[in-house]
Protein backbone atom coordinates (compact mmCIF):
# COMPACT_ATOMS: atom_id res chain seq x y z
CA MET A 1 24.62 -8.52 -8.99
CA ARG A 2 20.94 -7.69 -10.16
CA ILE A 3 18.32 -7.93 -7.61
CA THR A 4 14.53 -7.06 -9.04
CA ALA A 5 11.84 -6.31 -5.97
CA ARG A 6 8.33 -7.18 -6.67
CA VAL A 7 5.76 -4.95 -4.16
CA PRO A 8 2.16 -4.86 -4.26
CA ALA A 9 -0.46 -1.83 -4.47
CA THR A 10 -1.61 -1.53 -0.64
CA CYS A 11 -5.35 0.04 0.53
CA ALA A 12 -5.24 1.14 4.15
CA ASN A 13 -7.85 1.70 6.81
CA LEU A 14 -10.27 -0.05 4.88
CA GLY A 15 -13.03 1.97 6.28
CA PRO A 16 -12.88 2.20 9.90
CA GLY A 17 -9.78 0.31 10.48
CA PHE A 18 -7.76 3.89 10.37
CA ASP A 19 -4.08 3.61 10.82
CA SER A 20 -4.00 -0.55 11.47
CA PHE A 21 -5.84 -2.60 8.56
CA GLY A 22 -4.33 -3.16 5.07
CA LEU A 23 -4.48 -5.14 2.43
CA ALA A 24 -2.13 -6.17 -0.29
CA LEU A 25 -3.68 -5.78 -3.95
CA ASP A 26 -1.78 -7.61 -7.05
CA LEU A 27 -1.19 -4.71 -8.51
CA VAL A 28 2.88 -4.81 -8.24
CA ASN A 29 5.50 -2.16 -8.61
CA GLU A 30 8.98 -3.50 -10.40
CA VAL A 31 12.09 -2.18 -9.08
CA THR A 32 15.22 -3.10 -10.47
CA VAL A 33 18.84 -2.53 -9.33
CA ASP A 34 21.82 -3.20 -11.25
CA THR A 35 25.64 -3.29 -9.73
CA GLU A 36 26.97 -3.80 -12.96
CA ARG A 37 25.31 -1.07 -15.51
CA GLU A 38 26.44 2.26 -15.20
CA PRO A 39 24.88 4.53 -12.18
CA GLY A 40 21.96 6.16 -13.03
CA VAL A 41 17.58 6.04 -12.47
CA GLU A 42 15.10 5.64 -14.86
CA TRP A 43 11.35 4.96 -14.56
CA GLU A 44 8.47 3.59 -17.05
CA GLY A 45 4.56 3.91 -15.92
CA GLU A 46 3.10 5.62 -13.52
CA GLY A 47 5.02 8.98 -12.31
CA SER A 48 7.20 8.59 -15.04
CA ASP A 49 7.48 12.17 -16.06
CA GLU A 50 7.39 13.31 -12.66
CA LEU A 51 9.82 10.99 -10.42
CA PRO A 52 13.29 12.35 -9.88
CA THR A 53 15.97 10.71 -11.65
CA ASP A 54 18.98 12.22 -9.24
CA GLY A 55 18.85 9.82 -6.85
CA GLU A 56 16.59 11.66 -4.54
CA ASP A 57 13.35 9.31 -5.43
CA LEU A 58 12.10 7.36 -1.89
CA VAL A 59 13.53 3.86 -3.60
CA SER A 60 16.96 4.94 -3.99
CA ARG A 61 16.56 7.08 0.06
CA ALA A 62 15.37 4.10 1.10
CA ILE A 63 18.53 1.94 0.02
CA VAL A 64 21.28 4.57 1.51
CA TYR A 65 18.80 5.05 4.58
CA THR A 66 19.10 0.87 5.20
CA VAL A 67 22.31 0.96 4.78
CA ASP A 68 23.50 3.99 7.21
CA GLN A 69 21.40 1.78 9.68
CA GLN A 70 23.07 -1.68 9.16
CA ARG A 71 26.43 0.02 9.21
CA GLN A 72 27.09 -1.10 12.41
CA ARG A 73 26.09 -4.88 11.73
CA PRO A 74 29.20 -7.53 11.84
CA GLY A 75 29.88 -7.95 8.56
CA ALA A 76 28.01 -5.09 6.81
CA ILE A 77 29.42 -3.73 3.48
CA ALA A 78 29.19 -0.73 1.12
CA VAL A 79 26.92 -0.86 -1.14
CA PRO A 80 28.63 -0.61 -4.45
CA PRO A 81 27.26 2.35 -7.26
CA PHE A 82 24.18 1.07 -9.17
CA HIS A 83 21.60 1.57 -12.32
CA LEU A 84 18.09 1.82 -10.81
CA HIS A 85 15.29 1.24 -12.74
CA GLY A 86 11.27 1.03 -12.04
CA LEU A 87 8.43 0.09 -13.86
CA ASN A 88 5.47 1.79 -11.81
CA ARG A 89 2.35 0.04 -12.22
CA ILE A 90 0.48 1.73 -8.80
CA PRO A 91 -1.22 4.89 -9.62
CA MET A 92 0.74 7.88 -7.44
CA GLU A 93 -1.05 9.81 -4.70
CA ARG A 94 -4.54 8.26 -4.84
CA GLY A 95 -4.27 6.39 -1.80
CA LEU A 96 -2.84 2.84 -3.01
CA GLY A 97 0.12 3.08 -1.29
CA SER A 98 2.37 4.16 -4.06
CA SER A 99 5.09 5.84 -1.26
CA ALA A 100 5.08 2.64 1.18
CA ALA A 101 5.87 0.33 -2.14
CA ALA A 102 8.92 2.52 -2.78
CA ALA A 103 10.16 2.56 0.58
CA VAL A 104 9.72 -1.23 0.96
CA ALA A 105 11.44 -1.85 -2.36
CA GLY A 106 14.57 0.26 -1.68
CA VAL A 107 14.92 -2.01 2.20
CA ALA A 108 14.43 -5.01 0.42
CA ILE A 109 16.72 -4.21 -2.09
CA ALA A 110 19.46 -2.93 0.52
CA ASP A 111 18.45 -5.66 2.45
CA ALA A 112 19.64 -8.24 -0.60
CA LEU A 113 22.54 -6.53 -1.26
CA LEU A 114 23.71 -6.60 2.44
CA ALA A 115 22.62 -10.02 3.17
CA ASP A 116 25.02 -12.97 3.74
CA ALA A 117 25.07 -14.85 0.13
CA GLN A 118 24.34 -18.10 2.20
CA THR A 119 21.34 -16.59 3.60
CA ASP A 120 18.42 -17.96 1.62
CA ALA A 121 16.02 -14.59 1.03
CA ALA A 122 13.04 -16.85 1.80
CA SER A 123 14.17 -17.61 5.24
CA ARG A 124 14.41 -14.29 6.47
CA ASP A 125 12.70 -12.71 8.74
CA PRO A 126 10.68 -9.89 7.00
CA TYR A 127 10.41 -7.87 9.85
CA PRO A 128 13.01 -5.42 9.55
CA ILE A 129 11.66 -4.78 6.02
CA PHE A 130 8.55 -3.20 7.61
CA GLY A 131 10.60 -1.75 10.35
CA TYR A 132 12.58 0.36 8.13
CA ALA A 133 10.31 1.17 5.53
CA ALA A 134 7.52 2.31 8.20
CA GLU A 135 9.98 3.88 10.18
CA LEU A 136 11.03 6.39 6.32
CA GLU A 137 7.46 6.62 4.97
CA GLY A 138 5.93 7.07 8.02
CA HIS A 139 3.02 4.60 7.35
CA PRO A 140 2.66 0.99 8.84
CA ASP A 141 -0.50 0.47 8.04
CA ASN A 142 0.32 0.88 4.26
CA ALA A 143 4.36 -1.10 4.80
CA ALA A 144 3.01 -3.86 6.82
CA ALA A 145 0.55 -4.96 3.68
CA ALA A 146 3.32 -4.34 1.02
CA THR A 147 5.60 -7.08 3.28
CA TYR A 148 3.44 -9.25 4.30
CA GLY A 149 0.93 -9.79 1.58
CA GLY A 150 -2.66 -10.45 2.45
CA PHE A 151 -5.03 -8.81 5.04
CA THR A 152 -2.61 -7.03 7.72
CA ILE A 153 -3.39 -5.09 10.93
CA ALA A 154 -0.36 -3.13 12.22
CA VAL A 155 -0.31 -2.15 16.00
CA ALA A 156 2.13 -1.29 18.43
CA GLY A 157 4.98 -1.65 16.32
CA SER A 158 3.56 -5.55 15.85
CA VAL A 159 1.89 -7.08 11.96
CA HIS A 160 -0.59 -9.81 12.13
CA ARG A 161 -1.53 -11.61 9.03
CA LEU A 162 -4.56 -12.95 8.16
CA ARG A 163 -5.76 -14.67 5.20
CA PRO A 164 -8.37 -13.18 3.27
CA HIS A 165 -11.09 -14.93 2.10
CA PRO A 166 -10.98 -16.47 -1.41
CA ASP A 167 -14.54 -14.48 -2.05
CA LEU A 168 -13.08 -11.27 -2.34
CA PHE A 169 -13.79 -9.41 -5.43
CA PRO A 170 -12.07 -5.85 -5.13
CA VAL A 171 -12.30 -3.45 -7.51
CA VAL A 172 -9.98 -0.45 -7.52
CA LEU A 173 -11.41 2.88 -8.50
CA VAL A 174 -9.31 5.44 -9.42
CA PRO A 175 -9.92 9.26 -10.65
CA ARG A 176 -7.79 10.47 -13.74
CA HIS A 177 -7.16 13.80 -12.63
CA LEU A 178 -7.68 14.37 -9.10
CA ARG A 179 -5.08 13.57 -6.56
CA MET A 180 -4.27 14.21 -2.69
CA THR A 181 -0.94 13.67 -0.37
CA THR A 182 -1.42 11.73 2.53
CA THR A 183 -0.01 15.10 4.28
CA SER A 184 -2.78 17.27 3.07
CA ALA A 185 -5.54 14.18 3.68
CA ARG A 186 -4.15 13.77 7.25
CA ALA A 187 -4.17 17.73 8.10
CA ALA A 188 -8.06 17.45 7.14
CA LEU A 189 -9.00 15.54 10.23
CA ALA A 190 -9.83 16.06 13.59
CA ASP A 191 -7.54 15.99 16.83
CA GLU A 192 -10.26 14.66 18.99
CA VAL A 193 -13.24 12.55 17.72
CA ALA A 194 -16.92 11.84 20.05
CA ARG A 195 -17.01 9.05 21.79
CA GLY A 196 -19.68 7.84 19.97
CA ASP A 197 -17.62 7.74 17.01
CA ALA A 198 -15.13 5.40 18.39
CA VAL A 199 -17.11 3.13 19.60
CA PHE A 200 -18.72 2.94 15.89
CA ASN A 201 -15.31 2.04 14.22
CA LEU A 202 -14.30 -0.19 17.33
CA GLY A 203 -17.03 -3.01 16.57
CA HIS A 204 -16.97 -2.06 12.64
CA ALA A 205 -13.27 -2.71 12.52
CA SER A 206 -13.94 -5.81 14.83
CA LEU A 207 -16.73 -7.21 12.06
CA LEU A 208 -14.61 -6.22 9.47
CA THR A 209 -11.51 -8.61 10.35
CA ILE A 210 -14.28 -11.41 10.15
CA ALA A 211 -16.05 -9.67 6.72
CA LEU A 212 -12.24 -10.06 5.12
CA THR A 213 -11.51 -13.72 6.34
CA GLN A 214 -14.72 -15.60 6.76
CA ASP A 215 -17.39 -13.75 5.64
CA PRO A 216 -17.59 -11.25 2.98
CA GLY A 217 -21.49 -10.73 3.18
CA LEU A 218 -20.64 -8.73 6.05
CA LEU A 219 -18.44 -6.35 4.20
CA ASP A 220 -21.80 -3.71 3.46
CA VAL A 221 -22.29 -3.09 6.58
CA ALA A 222 -18.38 -3.51 8.36
CA LEU A 223 -17.02 -0.98 5.54
CA HIS A 224 -18.39 2.17 7.28
CA ASP A 225 -16.20 4.62 9.26
CA ARG A 226 -16.66 7.93 11.36
CA LEU A 227 -13.26 8.84 11.61
CA HIS A 228 -11.55 9.87 7.94
CA GLU A 229 -13.83 9.42 5.29
CA ASP A 230 -16.00 12.29 5.53
CA ALA A 231 -13.28 14.95 6.15
CA ARG A 232 -11.13 13.42 3.64
CA LEU A 233 -14.04 13.37 1.01
CA ALA A 234 -14.93 16.62 2.21
CA ALA A 235 -12.04 17.86 -0.32
CA ALA A 236 -13.10 15.52 -2.93
CA PRO A 237 -16.57 15.77 -3.81
CA GLU A 238 -16.40 13.90 -6.91
CA ALA A 239 -15.08 10.72 -5.03
CA ARG A 240 -17.58 11.26 -2.47
CA ASP A 241 -20.49 11.28 -4.69
CA LEU A 242 -19.28 7.95 -6.12
CA LEU A 243 -18.83 6.42 -2.76
CA VAL A 244 -22.40 7.05 -2.04
CA ASP A 245 -23.88 5.88 -5.41
CA LEU A 246 -22.32 2.54 -4.83
CA ARG A 247 -23.33 2.11 -1.42
CA GLN A 248 -26.69 3.71 -1.51
CA VAL A 249 -27.60 3.10 -5.25
CA ARG A 250 -25.62 0.20 -6.64
CA ARG A 251 -25.46 -1.93 -3.10
CA VAL A 252 -21.74 -2.33 -3.38
CA PRO A 253 -19.68 -2.59 -0.44
CA ALA A 254 -17.04 0.02 -0.73
CA CYS A 255 -14.57 2.89 1.56
CA VAL A 256 -12.04 5.26 0.53
CA SER A 257 -8.91 3.28 -0.40
CA GLY A 258 -6.17 4.88 1.89
CA ALA A 259 -6.37 8.53 1.90
CA GLY A 260 -8.05 8.85 -1.06
CA PRO A 261 -8.98 10.14 -3.47
CA ALA A 262 -9.21 6.35 -5.21
CA LEU A 263 -12.21 3.64 -4.01
CA LEU A 264 -11.86 0.52 -2.82
CA ALA A 265 -15.13 -1.49 -3.63
CA PHE A 266 -16.21 -5.58 -3.00
CA PRO A 267 -18.95 -5.86 -5.91
CA PRO A 268 -20.56 -9.52 -4.23
CA GLY A 269 -19.65 -12.17 -6.82
CA GLY A 270 -17.44 -10.11 -8.60
CA ARG A 271 -20.25 -8.76 -10.54
CA ASP A 272 -20.03 -5.23 -12.75
CA ILE A 273 -20.56 -2.34 -10.77
CA GLY A 274 -22.03 -0.78 -14.08
CA ALA A 275 -20.46 2.66 -15.54
CA LEU A 276 -18.05 5.40 -13.70
CA PRO A 277 -18.50 8.95 -14.32
CA GLU A 278 -16.13 10.75 -16.54
CA GLY A 279 -12.89 10.86 -15.71
CA TRP A 280 -13.03 7.50 -13.33
CA ARG A 281 -11.31 3.85 -14.14
CA ALA A 282 -12.00 0.47 -12.34
CA ILE A 283 -9.28 -1.60 -11.95
CA ARG A 284 -10.12 -5.34 -11.16
CA VAL A 285 -7.59 -7.18 -9.31
CA ASN A 286 -6.34 -10.09 -7.12
CA VAL A 287 -5.87 -9.91 -3.75
CA ARG A 288 -2.11 -10.26 -3.36
CA THR A 289 -1.65 -12.87 -0.78
CA GLU A 290 2.16 -12.39 -0.60
CA GLY A 291 3.80 -9.14 0.10
CA VAL A 292 7.50 -7.93 -1.38
CA THR A 293 9.61 -10.74 -3.48
CA VAL A 294 13.14 -10.26 -4.30
CA GLY A 295 15.09 -11.97 -7.01
CA VAL A 296 18.71 -11.90 -6.93
CA GLU A 297 20.91 -12.63 -9.73
CA THR A 298 24.92 -12.88 -9.72
């Protein structure tokens, strides 16, 4: 059996939607598991020279985790040894959901391995994939967008998917050498926030749902945040300076992507955003309206 999972990059938070909002982008990792090849793990693309090949990578661990959780299911079977090949297009530790993509890929592959052969993959409820991936990886906002695609709101253990407006033209701005783990980025955040800041984010997050689904012209106002961006960008002054330049000089709506240090910009009409500082690259991507997809060959 040969199973391939394709999982999109995701931008979480989107400014004011802290720990709740996510947007899937058409920058896709592909993971293939083949039960007929000699067991092993190999990687191509982003992080190929640093990801483990001994089965301790997040994709492999997600497969094992999902199988362990499903052992009590009637008819569940043991997963046979497999060869795993990953083609990574999502930059790692930049705030683009690479770890969520790995977790979702592993859970989706395990789900396919364990599924009843008579069950159409397209008809299965994606929520268990989201649930296991969020539990394993720890970030439901990324896991929701990676699983469902489009613009998602993850709250109280549920996922609400909204259809993004067709006139969104996202550009991801990625630093070549600057990296940030989600753990270190979260450690920079205060335990308490001022009431005024909470009210600010509540209003702007509400406006952002309209901007992303009905009126992109509101993005320049809606993407602003007072809960996490300043604290995280204090550790990444290059990203902070570029974000200020985008917003105040170039008049391009933008925000920190996830925990950063990558930025997400929405140039009006898809226009060129201009030259970037040395060490930064721009990736123009479409919003991906579908989340993880799984192909099975027997």
